[in-house]
Structures are given as structure tokens and as C-alpha cells.
PDB file of N, CA and C in Angstrom:
ATOM      1  N   MET A   1      17.428  61.393  80.753  1.00  0.00           N
ATOM      2  CA  MET A   1      16.148  61.180  81.540  1.00  0.00           C
ATOM      3  C   MET A   1      15.745  59.558  80.818  1.00  0.00           C
ATOM      4  N   THR A   2      15.202  58.969  81.874  1.00  0.00           N
ATOM      5  CA  THR A   2      14.166  57.891  81.536  1.00  0.00           C
ATOM      6  C   THR A   2      12.878  57.980  81.578  1.00  0.00           C
ATOM      7  N   ILE A   3      12.128  57.704  80.294  1.00  0.00           N
ATOM      8  CA  ILE A   3      10.658  57.711  80.505  1.00  0.00           C
ATOM      9  C   ILE A   3       9.895  56.402  79.708  1.00  0.00           C
ATOM     10  N   PHE A   4       8.975  56.016  80.911  1.00  0.00           N
ATOM     11  CA  PHE A   4       8.571  54.598  80.592  1.00  0.00           C
ATOM     12  C   PHE A   4       7.314  54.609  80.813  1.00  0.00           C
ATOM     13  N   ARG A   5       6.476  53.724  80.748  1.00  0.00           N
ATOM     14  CA  ARG A   5       5.362  53.575  80.736  1.00  0.00           C
ATOM     15  C   ARG A   5       4.727  52.484  81.866  1.00  0.00           C
ATOM     16  N   ASP A   6       4.086  52.549  82.879  1.00  0.00           N
ATOM     17  CA  ASP A   6       3.955  51.173  83.939  1.00  0.00           C
ATOM     18  C   ASP A   6       2.904  50.212  83.368  1.00  0.00           C
ATOM     19  N   PRO A   7       3.228  48.774  82.938  1.00  0.00           N
ATOM     20  CA  PRO A   7       2.904  47.891  82.157  1.00  0.00           C
ATOM     21  C   PRO A   7       1.417  46.992  83.612  1.00  0.00           C
ATOM     22  N   ALA A   8       1.330  47.978  84.678  1.00  0.00           N
ATOM     23  CA  ALA A   8       0.241  47.738  85.577  1.00  0.00           C
ATOM     24  C   ALA A   8      -0.313  48.552  86.048  1.00  0.00           C
ATOM     25  N   ALA A   9      -0.310  49.553  85.215  1.00  0.00           N
ATOM     26  CA  ALA A   9      -0.796  50.874  85.349  1.00  0.00           C
ATOM     27  C   ALA A   9      -2.659  50.614  85.591  1.00  0.00           C
ATOM     28  N   ARG A  10      -2.941  49.941  84.697  1.00  0.00           N
ATOM     29  CA  ARG A  10      -4.435  49.441  84.321  1.00  0.00           C
ATOM     30  C   ARG A  10      -5.102  48.469  85.139  1.00  0.00           C
ATOM     31  N   LEU A  11      -4.083  47.605  85.087  1.00  0.00           N
ATOM     32  CA  LEU A  11      -4.715  46.113  86.026  1.00  0.00           C
ATOM     33  C   LEU A  11      -5.602  46.454  87.121  1.00  0.00           C
ATOM     34  N   PRO A  12      -6.691  45.898  87.343  1.00  0.00           N
ATOM     35  CA  PRO A  12      -7.335  45.961  88.738  1.00  0.00           C
ATOM     36  C   PRO A  12      -6.776  45.174  89.651  1.00  0.00           C
ATOM     37  N   VAL A  13      -7.764  46.263  90.816  1.00  0.00           N
ATOM     38  CA  VAL A  13      -6.496  45.787  92.135  1.00  0.00           C
ATOM     39  C   VAL A  13      -7.798  45.158  93.239  1.00  0.00           C
ATOM     40  N   GLY A  14      -7.239  44.570  93.629  1.00  0.00           N
ATOM     41  CA  GLY A  14      -8.435  43.443  94.664  1.00  0.00           C
ATOM     42  C   GLY A  14      -8.705  42.045  94.158  1.00  0.00           C
ATOM     43  N   GLU A  15      -9.750  41.744  95.268  1.00  0.00           N
ATOM     44  CA  GLU A  15      -9.834  40.108  95.010  1.00  0.00           C
ATOM     45  C   GLU A  15     -10.345  40.355  93.901  1.00  0.00           C
ATOM     46  N   HIS A  16     -10.737  38.899  93.071  1.00  0.00           N
ATOM     47  CA  HIS A  16     -11.697  38.510  92.274  1.00  0.00           C
ATOM     48  C   HIS A  16     -12.499  37.904  92.555  1.00  0.00           C
ATOM     49  N   PRO A  17     -14.189  37.776  91.989  1.00  0.00           N
ATOM     50  CA  PRO A  17     -14.853  37.024  92.721  1.00  0.00           C
ATOM     51  C   PRO A  17     -14.794  35.634  92.307  1.00  0.00           C
ATOM     52  N   ARG A  18     -14.932  34.923  93.229  1.00  0.00           N
ATOM     53  CA  ARG A  18     -14.580  33.172  92.890  1.00  0.00           C
ATOM     54  C   ARG A  18     -16.036  32.015  92.721  1.00  0.00           C
ATOM     55  N   ASN A  19     -16.020  31.479  91.462  1.00  0.00           N
ATOM     56  CA  ASN A  19     -16.942  31.187  91.579  1.00  0.00           C
ATOM     57  C   ASN A  19     -17.300  29.502  92.360  1.00  0.00           C
ATOM     58  N   ILE A  20     -18.250  29.557  93.060  1.00  0.00           N
ATOM     59  CA  ILE A  20     -17.979  27.979  93.932  1.00  0.00           C
ATOM     60  C   ILE A  20     -19.246  27.221  93.445  1.00  0.00           C
ATOM     61  N   ILE A  21     -18.638  25.637  92.815  1.00  0.00           N
ATOM     62  CA  ILE A  21     -19.269  24.988  92.668  1.00  0.00           C
ATOM     63  C   ILE A  21     -20.161  24.191  93.750  1.00  0.00           C
ATOM     64  N   LEU A  22     -21.563  24.579  93.506  1.00  0.00           N
ATOM     65  CA  LEU A  22     -22.582  23.616  94.983  1.00  0.00           C
ATOM     66  C   LEU A  22     -23.479  22.796  94.173  1.00  0.00           C
ATOM     67  N   PRO A  23     -23.688  21.699  94.935  1.00  0.00           N
ATOM     68  CA  PRO A  23     -24.750  20.637  94.311  1.00  0.00           C
ATOM     69  C   PRO A  23     -25.667  21.257  94.002  1.00  0.00           C
ATOM     70  N   LEU A  24     -26.649  20.396  93.855  1.00  0.00           N
ATOM     71  CA  LEU A  24     -28.192  20.842  93.178  1.00  0.00           C
ATOM     72  C   LEU A  24     -28.977  20.313  94.431  1.00  0.00           C
ATOM     73  N   HIS A  25     -30.039  20.848  94.467  1.00  0.00           N
ATOM     74  CA  HIS A  25     -30.877  20.331  95.178  1.00  0.00           C
ATOM     75  C   HIS A  25     -31.630  19.152  95.730  1.00  0.00           C
ATOM     76  N   ASP A  26     -32.406  18.650  96.833  1.00  0.00           N
ATOM     77  CA  ASP A  26     -32.993  17.221  96.419  1.00  0.00           C
ATOM     78  C   ASP A  26     -33.801  17.071  95.129  1.00  0.00           C
ATOM     79  N   ASP A  27     -34.502  17.844  95.446  1.00  0.00           N
ATOM     80  CA  ASP A  27     -35.580  18.172  94.176  1.00  0.00           C
ATOM     81  C   ASP A  27     -35.127  17.998  92.769  1.00  0.00           C
ATOM     82  N   ASP A  28     -34.230  18.812  92.842  1.00  0.00           N
ATOM     83  CA  ASP A  28     -33.612  19.189  91.102  1.00  0.00           C
ATOM     84  C   ASP A  28     -32.715  18.209  90.833  1.00  0.00           C
ATOM     85  N   ILE A  29     -32.475  17.287  91.427  1.00  0.00           N
ATOM     86  CA  ILE A  29     -31.753  15.672  91.579  1.00  0.00           C
ATOM     87  C   ILE A  29     -32.776  14.923  91.385  1.00  0.00           C
ATOM     88  N   ASP A  30     -33.858  14.631  92.144  1.00  0.00           N
ATOM     89  CA  ASP A  30     -34.824  13.966  91.762  1.00  0.00           C
ATOM     90  C   ASP A  30     -35.517  13.920  90.100  1.00  0.00           C
ATOM     91  N   GLN A  31     -35.818  14.691  90.184  1.00  0.00           N
ATOM     92  CA  GLN A  31     -36.646  15.288  88.582  1.00  0.00           C
ATOM     93  C   GLN A  31     -35.407  15.007  87.785  1.00  0.00           C
ATOM     94  N   ALA A  32     -34.107  15.273  87.720  1.00  0.00           N
ATOM     95  CA  ALA A  32     -32.912  15.298  86.749  1.00  0.00           C
ATOM     96  C   ALA A  32     -32.817  13.369  86.547  1.00  0.00           C
ATOM     97  N   VAL A  33     -32.746  12.827  87.843  1.00  0.00           N
ATOM     98  CA  VAL A  33     -32.578  11.435  87.627  1.00  0.00           C
ATOM     99  C   VAL A  33     -33.504  10.623  86.982  1.00  0.00           C
ATOM    100  N   LYS A  34     -34.899  11.397  87.447  1.00  0.00           N
ATOM    101  CA  LYS A  34     -36.111  10.477  86.538  1.00  0.00           C
ATOM    102  C   LYS A  34     -35.462  10.838  85.312  1.00  0.00           C
ATOM    103  N   ALA A  35     -35.332  11.903  84.337  1.00  0.00           N
ATOM    104  CA  ALA A  35     -35.082  12.040  83.491  1.00  0.00           C
ATOM    105  C   ALA A  35     -33.983  11.550  82.305  1.00  0.00           C
ATOM    106  N   VAL A  36     -33.058  10.535  83.037  1.00  0.00           N
ATOM    107  CA  VAL A  36     -32.156   9.869  82.505  1.00  0.00           C
ATOM    108  C   VAL A  36     -32.172   8.195  82.395  1.00  0.00           C
ATOM    109  N   ARG A  37     -31.931   7.741  81.313  1.00  0.00           N
ATOM    110  CA  ARG A  37     -32.451   6.313  81.922  1.00  0.00           C
ATOM    111  C   ARG A  37     -31.063   5.523  81.784  1.00  0.00           C
ATOM    112  N   ASN A  38     -29.820   5.615  80.745  1.00  0.00           N
ATOM    113  CA  ASN A  38     -29.118   4.960  80.923  1.00  0.00           C
ATOM    114  C   ASN A  38     -28.186   4.874  82.001  1.00  0.00           C
ATOM    115  N   PRO A  39     -27.445   4.091  82.403  1.00  0.00           N
ATOM    116  CA  PRO A  39     -27.003   3.663  83.766  1.00  0.00           C
ATOM    117  C   PRO A  39     -25.791   4.519  83.920  1.00  0.00           C
ATOM    118  N   ARG A  40     -25.031   4.820  83.221  1.00  0.00           N
ATOM    119  CA  ARG A  40     -23.443   5.272  82.916  1.00  0.00           C
ATOM    120  C   ARG A  40     -23.788   6.988  83.156  1.00  0.00           C
ATOM    121  N   ASP A  41     -25.093   7.472  81.976  1.00  0.00           N
ATOM    122  CA  ASP A  41     -25.553   8.501  82.301  1.00  0.00           C
ATOM    123  C   ASP A  41     -26.125   9.072  83.727  1.00  0.00           C
ATOM    124  N   ARG A  42     -26.963   7.786  84.127  1.00  0.00           N
ATOM    125  CA  ARG A  42     -27.225   8.431  85.528  1.00  0.00           C
ATOM    126  C   ARG A  42     -26.285   8.756  86.881  1.00  0.00           C
ATOM    127  N   LEU A  43     -25.209   7.919  86.551  1.00  0.00           N
ATOM    128  CA  LEU A  43     -24.291   7.997  87.218  1.00  0.00           C
ATOM    129  C   LEU A  43     -23.564   9.402  87.322  1.00  0.00           C
ATOM    130  N   VAL A  44     -22.721   9.559  86.386  1.00  0.00           N
ATOM    131  CA  VAL A  44     -22.588  11.142  85.745  1.00  0.00           C
ATOM    132  C   VAL A  44     -23.051  12.089  86.118  1.00  0.00           C
ATOM    133  N   LEU A  45     -24.637  11.935  85.897  1.00  0.00           N
ATOM    134  CA  LEU A  45     -25.455  13.126  86.956  1.00  0.00           C
ATOM    135  C   LEU A  45     -25.395  12.918  88.155  1.00  0.00           C
ATOM    136  N   ALA A  46     -25.374  11.890  88.815  1.00  0.00           N
ATOM    137  CA  ALA A  46     -24.821  12.031  90.290  1.00  0.00           C
ATOM    138  C   ALA A  46     -23.469  12.641  90.671  1.00  0.00           C
ATOM    139  N   LEU A  47     -22.740  12.435  90.107  1.00  0.00           N
ATOM    140  CA  LEU A  47     -21.551  12.506  90.777  1.00  0.00           C
ATOM    141  C   LEU A  47     -21.272  13.663  90.261  1.00  0.00           C
ATOM    142  N   ALA A  48     -21.799  14.654  89.360  1.00  0.00           N
ATOM    143  CA  ALA A  48     -21.911  16.082  88.803  1.00  0.00           C
ATOM    144  C   ALA A  48     -22.768  16.890  89.908  1.00  0.00           C
ATOM    145  N   ALA A  49     -24.235  16.462  89.629  1.00  0.00           N
ATOM    146  CA  ALA A  49     -25.315  17.214  90.715  1.00  0.00           C
ATOM    147  C   ALA A  49     -25.026  16.787  91.897  1.00  0.00           C
ATOM    148  N   ILE A  50     -24.936  15.915  92.438  1.00  0.00           N
ATOM    149  CA  ILE A  50     -24.252  15.570  94.114  1.00  0.00           C
ATOM    150  C   ILE A  50     -23.095  15.853  94.474  1.00  0.00           C
ATOM    151  N   HIS A  51     -22.370  15.608  94.072  1.00  0.00           N
ATOM    152  CA  HIS A  51     -20.709  16.209  94.034  1.00  0.00           C
ATOM    153  C   HIS A  51     -19.697  16.740  93.927  1.00  0.00           C
ATOM    154  N   ALA A  52     -20.659  17.655  92.750  1.00  0.00           N
ATOM    155  CA  ALA A  52     -19.946  18.988  92.442  1.00  0.00           C
ATOM    156  C   ALA A  52     -18.876  18.120  91.537  1.00  0.00           C
ATOM    157  N   ALA A  53     -18.946  17.164  90.933  1.00  0.00           N
ATOM    158  CA  ALA A  53     -17.558  17.121  90.446  1.00  0.00           C
ATOM    159  C   ALA A  53     -16.906  17.572  88.958  1.00  0.00           C
ATOM    160  N   ARG A  54     -16.269  17.482  87.897  1.00  0.00           N
ATOM    161  CA  ARG A  54     -15.679  18.279  87.051  1.00  0.00           C
ATOM    162  C   ARG A  54     -15.886  17.361  86.008  1.00  0.00           C
ATOM    163  N   PRO A  55     -16.039  17.884  84.996  1.00  0.00           N
ATOM    164  CA  PRO A  55     -15.743  16.456  84.036  1.00  0.00           C
ATOM    165  C   PRO A  55     -14.664  15.947  83.749  1.00  0.00           C
ATOM    166  N   LYS A  56     -13.607  16.580  84.160  1.00  0.00           N
ATOM    167  CA  LYS A  56     -12.130  15.759  83.733  1.00  0.00           C
ATOM    168  C   LYS A  56     -12.030  14.895  85.092  1.00  0.00           C
ATOM    169  N   ALA A  57     -12.936  15.556  86.217  1.00  0.00           N
ATOM    170  CA  ALA A  57     -12.487  14.764  87.314  1.00  0.00           C
ATOM    171  C   ALA A  57     -13.629  12.839  87.160  1.00  0.00           C
ATOM    172  N   ILE A  58     -14.823  13.490  86.744  1.00  0.00           N
ATOM    173  CA  ILE A  58     -15.217  11.870  86.243  1.00  0.00           C
ATOM    174  C   ILE A  58     -14.304  11.215  85.537  1.00  0.00           C
ATOM    175  N   ARG A  59     -13.996  11.777  84.100  1.00  0.00           N
ATOM    176  CA  ARG A  59     -13.338  11.015  83.522  1.00  0.00           C
ATOM    177  C   ARG A  59     -12.107  10.025  84.032  1.00  0.00           C
ATOM    178  N   GLU A  60     -11.377  10.695  84.749  1.00  0.00           N
ATOM    179  CA  GLU A  60     -10.579  10.117  85.403  1.00  0.00           C
ATOM    180  C   GLU A  60     -10.445   9.270  86.612  1.00  0.00           C
ATOM    181  N   LEU A  61     -12.015   9.175  87.035  1.00  0.00           N
ATOM    182  CA  LEU A  61     -12.241   8.345  87.679  1.00  0.00           C
ATOM    183  C   LEU A  61     -12.016   6.475  87.604  1.00  0.00           C
ATOM    184  N   GLN A  62     -11.372   6.048  88.899  1.00  0.00           N
ATOM    185  CA  GLN A  62     -11.212   4.902  88.584  1.00  0.00           C
ATOM    186  C   GLN A  62     -11.480   3.979  89.602  1.00  0.00           C
ATOM    187  N   LEU A  63     -11.434   2.291  89.094  1.00  0.00           N
ATOM    188  CA  LEU A  63     -12.206   1.617  90.261  1.00  0.00           C
ATOM    189  C   LEU A  63     -11.578   1.683  91.633  1.00  0.00           C
ATOM    190  N   ASP A  64     -10.424   1.998  92.005  1.00  0.00           N
ATOM    191  CA  ASP A  64      -9.974   2.232  93.167  1.00  0.00           C
ATOM    192  C   ASP A  64     -10.333   2.997  94.036  1.00  0.00           C
ATOM    193  N   ASP A  65     -10.797   4.411  93.162  1.00  0.00           N
ATOM    194  CA  ASP A  65     -11.415   5.816  93.716  1.00  0.00           C
ATOM    195  C   ASP A  65     -12.782   5.205  95.046  1.00  0.00           C
ATOM    196  N   ILE A  66     -13.478   3.858  94.545  1.00  0.00           N
ATOM    197  CA  ILE A  66     -14.681   3.728  94.689  1.00  0.00           C
ATOM    198  C   ILE A  66     -14.667   2.905  96.125  1.00  0.00           C
ATOM    199  N   ASN A  67     -15.145   3.250  97.094  1.00  0.00           N
ATOM    200  CA  ASN A  67     -14.723   1.580  98.466  1.00  0.00           C
ATOM    201  C   ASN A  67     -16.536   1.768  98.902  1.00  0.00           C
ATOM    202  N   LEU A  68     -17.069   1.079  98.424  1.00  0.00           N
ATOM    203  CA  LEU A  68     -18.270   0.508  98.858  1.00  0.00           C
ATOM    204  C   LEU A  68     -18.653   0.217 100.228  1.00  0.00           C
ATOM    205  N   GLY A  69     -17.502  -0.698 100.446  1.00  0.00           N
ATOM    206  CA  GLY A  69     -17.696  -1.329 101.880  1.00  0.00           C
ATOM    207  C   GLY A  69     -17.819  -0.041 102.944  1.00  0.00           C
ATOM    208  N   ASN A  70     -16.910   0.822 102.483  1.00  0.00           N
ATOM    209  CA  ASN A  70     -16.891   1.842 103.415  1.00  0.00           C
ATOM    210  C   ASN A  70     -17.422   3.204 103.159  1.00  0.00           C
ATOM    211  N   ARG A  71     -18.439   3.344 102.687  1.00  0.00           N
ATOM    212  CA  ARG A  71     -19.238   4.105 101.659  1.00  0.00           C
ATOM    213  C   ARG A  71     -18.556   5.780 101.714  1.00  0.00           C
ATOM    214  N   ARG A  72     -16.891   4.802 100.932  1.00  0.00           N
ATOM    215  CA  ARG A  72     -16.365   6.214 100.670  1.00  0.00           C
ATOM    216  C   ARG A  72     -16.109   6.625  99.061  1.00  0.00           C
ATOM    217  N   LEU A  73     -15.718   7.626  98.458  1.00  0.00           N
ATOM    218  CA  LEU A  73     -15.476   8.046  97.033  1.00  0.00           C
ATOM    219  C   LEU A  73     -14.564   9.319  97.246  1.00  0.00           C
ATOM    220  N   THR A  74     -13.532   8.962  96.511  1.00  0.00           N
ATOM    221  CA  THR A  74     -12.574  10.053  96.334  1.00  0.00           C
ATOM    222  C   THR A  74     -12.541  10.500  94.551  1.00  0.00           C
ATOM    223  N   ILE A  75     -12.772  11.612  94.362  1.00  0.00           N
ATOM    224  CA  ILE A  75     -13.168  12.448  93.338  1.00  0.00           C
ATOM    225  C   ILE A  75     -11.654  13.451  93.133  1.00  0.00           C
ATOM    226  N   ALA A  76     -11.033  13.308  92.083  1.00  0.00           N
ATOM    227  CA  ALA A  76     -10.216  14.943  92.363  1.00  0.00           C
ATOM    228  C   ALA A  76      -8.947  14.440  93.747  1.00  0.00           C
ATOM    229  N   ASP A  77      -8.806  13.572  94.202  1.00  0.00           N
ATOM    230  CA  ASP A  77      -8.172  13.500  95.440  1.00  0.00           C
ATOM    231  C   ASP A  77      -8.879  13.642  96.598  1.00  0.00           C
ATOM    232  N   ARG A  78     -10.150  14.113  96.842  1.00  0.00           N
ATOM    233  CA  ARG A  78     -10.907  14.378  97.695  1.00  0.00           C
ATOM    234  C   ARG A  78     -11.545  13.093  98.245  1.00  0.00           C
ATOM    235  N   THR A  79     -11.467  12.787  99.479  1.00  0.00           N
ATOM    236  CA  THR A  79     -12.761  11.323  99.448  1.00  0.00           C
ATOM    237  C   THR A  79     -13.414  12.314 100.347  1.00  0.00           C
ATOM    238  N   ARG A  80     -15.082  11.742 100.255  1.00  0.00           N
ATOM    239  CA  ARG A  80     -16.117  12.268 100.757  1.00  0.00           C
ATOM    240  C   ARG A  80     -16.766  11.037 100.978  1.00  0.00           C
ATOM    241  N   PRO A  81     -17.669  11.291 101.858  1.00  0.00           N
ATOM    242  CA  PRO A  81     -18.606  10.211 102.026  1.00  0.00           C
ATOM    243  C   PRO A  81     -19.653   9.858 100.764  1.00  0.00           C
ATOM    244  N   LEU A  82     -19.797   8.111 100.373  1.00  0.00           N
ATOM    245  CA  LEU A  82     -20.985   8.150  99.755  1.00  0.00           C
ATOM    246  C   LEU A  82     -21.853   7.561  99.622  1.00  0.00           C
ATOM    247  N   ASP A  83     -23.010   8.678  99.165  1.00  0.00           N
ATOM    248  CA  ASP A  83     -24.535   8.789 100.120  1.00  0.00           C
ATOM    249  C   ASP A  83     -25.484   7.434  98.969  1.00  0.00           C
ATOM    250  N   ASP A  84     -26.320   7.356  99.157  1.00  0.00           N
ATOM    251  CA  ASP A  84     -27.279   6.787  98.991  1.00  0.00           C
ATOM    252  C   ASP A  84     -27.472   6.463  97.376  1.00  0.00           C
ATOM    253  N   LEU A  85     -27.620   7.868  96.648  1.00  0.00           N
ATOM    254  CA  LEU A  85     -28.272   7.519  95.737  1.00  0.00           C
ATOM    255  C   LEU A  85     -27.164   7.631  94.643  1.00  0.00           C
ATOM    256  N   THR A  86     -25.849   8.058  95.079  1.00  0.00           N
ATOM    257  CA  THR A  86     -24.866   7.710  94.352  1.00  0.00           C
ATOM    258  C   THR A  86     -24.041   6.029  94.433  1.00  0.00           C
ATOM    259  N   ARG A  87     -24.429   5.983  95.227  1.00  0.00           N
ATOM    260  CA  ARG A  87     -23.986   4.168  95.547  1.00  0.00           C
ATOM    261  C   ARG A  87     -24.796   3.770  94.692  1.00  0.00           C
ATOM    262  N   GLN A  88     -26.211   3.596  94.835  1.00  0.00           N
ATOM    263  CA  GLN A  88     -27.082   2.690  93.943  1.00  0.00           C
ATOM    264  C   GLN A  88     -26.512   3.000  92.367  1.00  0.00           C
ATOM    265  N   MET A  89     -26.115   4.216  92.252  1.00  0.00           N
ATOM    266  CA  MET A  89     -25.862   4.560  90.721  1.00  0.00           C
ATOM    267  C   MET A  89     -24.758   3.744  90.315  1.00  0.00           C
ATOM    268  N   ILE A  90     -23.827   3.947  90.826  1.00  0.00           N
ATOM    269  CA  ILE A  90     -22.727   3.083  90.825  1.00  0.00           C
ATOM    270  C   ILE A  90     -22.542   1.429  90.766  1.00  0.00           C
ATOM    271  N   LEU A  91     -23.602   1.154  90.938  1.00  0.00           N
ATOM    272  CA  LEU A  91     -23.930  -0.302  91.516  1.00  0.00           C
ATOM    273  C   LEU A  91     -24.407  -0.938  89.690  1.00  0.00           C
ATOM    274  N   ASP A  92     -25.492  -0.063  90.487  1.00  0.00           N
ATOM    275  CA  ASP A  92     -26.046   0.059  88.753  1.00  0.00           C
ATOM    276  C   ASP A  92     -25.099  -0.177  87.560  1.00  0.00           C
ATOM    277  N   TRP A  93     -24.453   1.194  86.989  1.00  0.00           N
ATOM    278  CA  TRP A  93     -23.251   1.263  85.844  1.00  0.00           C
ATOM    279  C   TRP A  93     -22.677  -0.127  86.143  1.00  0.00           C
ATOM    280  N   LEU A  94     -21.886  -0.713  87.002  1.00  0.00           N
ATOM    281  CA  LEU A  94     -21.226  -1.565  87.438  1.00  0.00           C
ATOM    282  C   LEU A  94     -21.800  -2.795  87.022  1.00  0.00           C
ATOM    283  N   THR A  95     -22.638  -3.198  87.096  1.00  0.00           N
ATOM    284  CA  THR A  95     -23.522  -4.398  86.491  1.00  0.00           C
ATOM    285  C   THR A  95     -23.819  -4.027  84.914  1.00  0.00           C
ATOM    286  N   CYS A  96     -24.162  -2.958  84.423  1.00  0.00           N
ATOM    287  CA  CYS A  96     -24.430  -3.054  83.277  1.00  0.00           C
ATOM    288  C   CYS A  96     -22.490  -2.731  82.585  1.00  0.00           C
ATOM    289  N   ARG A  97     -21.658  -2.274  83.440  1.00  0.00           N
ATOM    290  CA  ARG A  97     -20.223  -2.532  82.776  1.00  0.00           C
ATOM    291  C   ARG A  97     -19.995  -3.946  82.682  1.00  0.00           C
ATOM    292  N   HIS A  98     -20.250  -4.615  83.586  1.00  0.00           N
ATOM    293  CA  HIS A  98     -19.794  -5.936  83.485  1.00  0.00           C
ATOM    294  C   HIS A  98     -20.453  -6.837  82.568  1.00  0.00           C
ATOM    295  N   THR A  99     -21.808  -6.574  82.360  1.00  0.00           N
ATOM    296  CA  THR A  99     -22.426  -7.006  81.213  1.00  0.00           C
ATOM    297  C   THR A  99     -21.776  -6.806  80.021  1.00  0.00           C
ATOM    298  N   ARG A 100     -21.420  -5.466  79.726  1.00  0.00           N
ATOM    299  CA  ARG A 100     -21.637  -5.320  78.616  1.00  0.00           C
ATOM    300  C   ARG A 100     -19.707  -4.944  78.139  1.00  0.00           C
ATOM    301  N   TRP A 101     -18.709  -5.361  79.011  1.00  0.00           N
ATOM    302  CA  TRP A 101     -17.514  -5.833  78.767  1.00  0.00           C
ATOM    303  C   TRP A 101     -16.881  -6.659  79.921  1.00  0.00           C
ATOM    304  N   PRO A 102     -17.302  -7.375  79.821  1.00  0.00           N
ATOM    305  CA  PRO A 102     -16.979  -8.291  81.011  1.00  0.00           C
ATOM    306  C   PRO A 102     -15.477  -8.924  80.995  1.00  0.00           C
ATOM    307  N   ASP A 103     -14.858  -8.687  80.228  1.00  0.00           N
ATOM    308  CA  ASP A 103     -13.377  -8.987  80.227  1.00  0.00           C
ATOM    309  C   ASP A 103     -12.666  -7.965  80.585  1.00  0.00           C
ATOM    310  N   THR A 104     -12.848  -6.339  80.597  1.00  0.00           N
ATOM    311  CA  THR A 104     -12.359  -5.332  80.344  1.00  0.00           C
ATOM    312  C   THR A 104     -10.764  -5.462  81.670  1.00  0.00           C
ATOM    313  N   ALA A 105     -10.058  -4.689  81.337  1.00  0.00           N
ATOM    314  CA  ALA A 105      -8.817  -4.487  82.192  1.00  0.00           C
ATOM    315  C   ALA A 105      -8.962  -3.153  82.688  1.00  0.00           C
ATOM    316  N   SER A 106      -9.446  -2.332  82.041  1.00  0.00           N
ATOM    317  CA  SER A 106      -9.724  -0.629  82.214  1.00  0.00           C
ATOM    318  C   SER A 106     -10.316  -0.785  83.926  1.00  0.00           C
ATOM    319  N   PRO A 107      -8.994  -0.077  84.303  1.00  0.00           N
ATOM    320  CA  PRO A 107      -9.197   0.791  85.787  1.00  0.00           C
ATOM    321  C   PRO A 107      -9.923   1.949  86.132  1.00  0.00           C
ATOM    322  N   TYR A 108     -10.469   2.621  84.798  1.00  0.00           N
ATOM    323  CA  TYR A 108     -11.585   3.727  84.731  1.00  0.00           C
ATOM    324  C   TYR A 108     -12.971   2.919  85.234  1.00  0.00           C
ATOM    325  N   LEU A 109     -13.995   3.779  86.062  1.00  0.00           N
ATOM    326  CA  LEU A 109     -15.105   3.666  86.312  1.00  0.00           C
ATOM    327  C   LEU A 109     -15.779   3.596  85.375  1.00  0.00           C
ATOM    328  N   ILE A 110     -15.866   4.694  84.632  1.00  0.00           N
ATOM    329  CA  ILE A 110     -16.702   5.042  83.119  1.00  0.00           C
ATOM    330  C   ILE A 110     -16.050   4.760  81.982  1.00  0.00           C
ATOM    331  N   ILE A 111     -16.371   3.280  81.214  1.00  0.00           N
ATOM    332  CA  ILE A 111     -15.696   3.229  80.101  1.00  0.00           C
ATOM    333  C   ILE A 111     -16.648   3.224  78.771  1.00  0.00           C
ATOM    334  N   ILE A 112     -16.470   3.621  77.709  1.00  0.00           N
ATOM    335  CA  ILE A 112     -17.339   3.633  76.546  1.00  0.00           C
ATOM    336  C   ILE A 112     -16.233   3.381  75.382  1.00  0.00           C
ATOM    337  N   LEU A 113     -16.957   2.724  74.281  1.00  0.00           N
ATOM    338  CA  LEU A 113     -16.379   2.079  73.274  1.00  0.00           C
ATOM    339  C   LEU A 113     -14.925   2.991  73.312  1.00  0.00           C
ATOM    340  N   ARG A 114     -14.982   4.244  72.808  1.00  0.00           N
ATOM    341  CA  ARG A 114     -13.982   5.293  72.602  1.00  0.00           C
ATOM    342  C   ARG A 114     -12.447   5.055  73.564  1.00  0.00           C
ATOM    343  N   THR A 115     -12.678   4.726  75.080  1.00  0.00           N
ATOM    344  CA  THR A 115     -11.921   4.699  75.722  1.00  0.00           C
ATOM    345  C   THR A 115     -10.482   4.301  75.719  1.00  0.00           C
ATOM    346  N   LYS A 116      -9.496   4.753  75.980  1.00  0.00           N
ATOM    347  CA  LYS A 116      -8.425   4.064  75.928  1.00  0.00           C
ATOM    348  C   LYS A 116      -8.106   3.481  76.615  1.00  0.00           C
ATOM    349  N   ARG A 117      -6.888   2.054  76.563  1.00  0.00           N
ATOM    350  CA  ARG A 117      -6.474   0.784  77.453  1.00  0.00           C
ATOM    351  C   ARG A 117      -7.846  -0.112  77.230  1.00  0.00           C
TER     352      ARG A 117
END
């Protein structure tokens, strides 16, 4: 006679609720943008609030992921339209980035002093 305990007996059955990341409302975005002064931080805010981009996706965003001419933005392999606010934040950051690091060869959109490469 073989006696054993079913290891799956206490596992819950059914679907788990999924947390959906939703972008902020326009009023919330406007209020947050007014509170941030640094161009890099404003861009990060726009990417997170408008495009629901996660921190890892923002860190890995490269210059090639932005198509200003066609107003397209690719975040985490998903291409989406580039809205006016995010476009302006990108342009402001690129101006600041070029002023601060004019000779950088980094392919990443957001660079800081600790950025590798």
C-alpha cells in the first residue's frame, strides 16, 4: 500500500487578478510636469505617466527607438504614436544631453554620469 500527500491539494484554482498599468489622466500629468524641472526627469515622467513605461524599459530606451519624423516611439518592442508632450520632453532632453555630453557615443536615450558605455 502506497500513501502519499498531494502537493497540489492546497494550491488555489482559478485565475489570478492581473494588475493592469494604466496611464495617468491629463490633469494629473499636467500637475506632475509642472512640479519637475530637470529635462531628464520630465522625460522619465512623461514616459511613465503617458506611456506606462516601466523603469527597466525606460533605462533601456535607445535613440533608435525614437522616430521624431514619423512621430513614433518604441518602448519594450512595442511601437506607439508619439504625443506632443512626450515629443517636446524628448527634444528638451536631447538638447540638454547634447550640451552636457556633446561627444557621447552612448546609444541610450537617457544617460547619466553612471551610465556604462
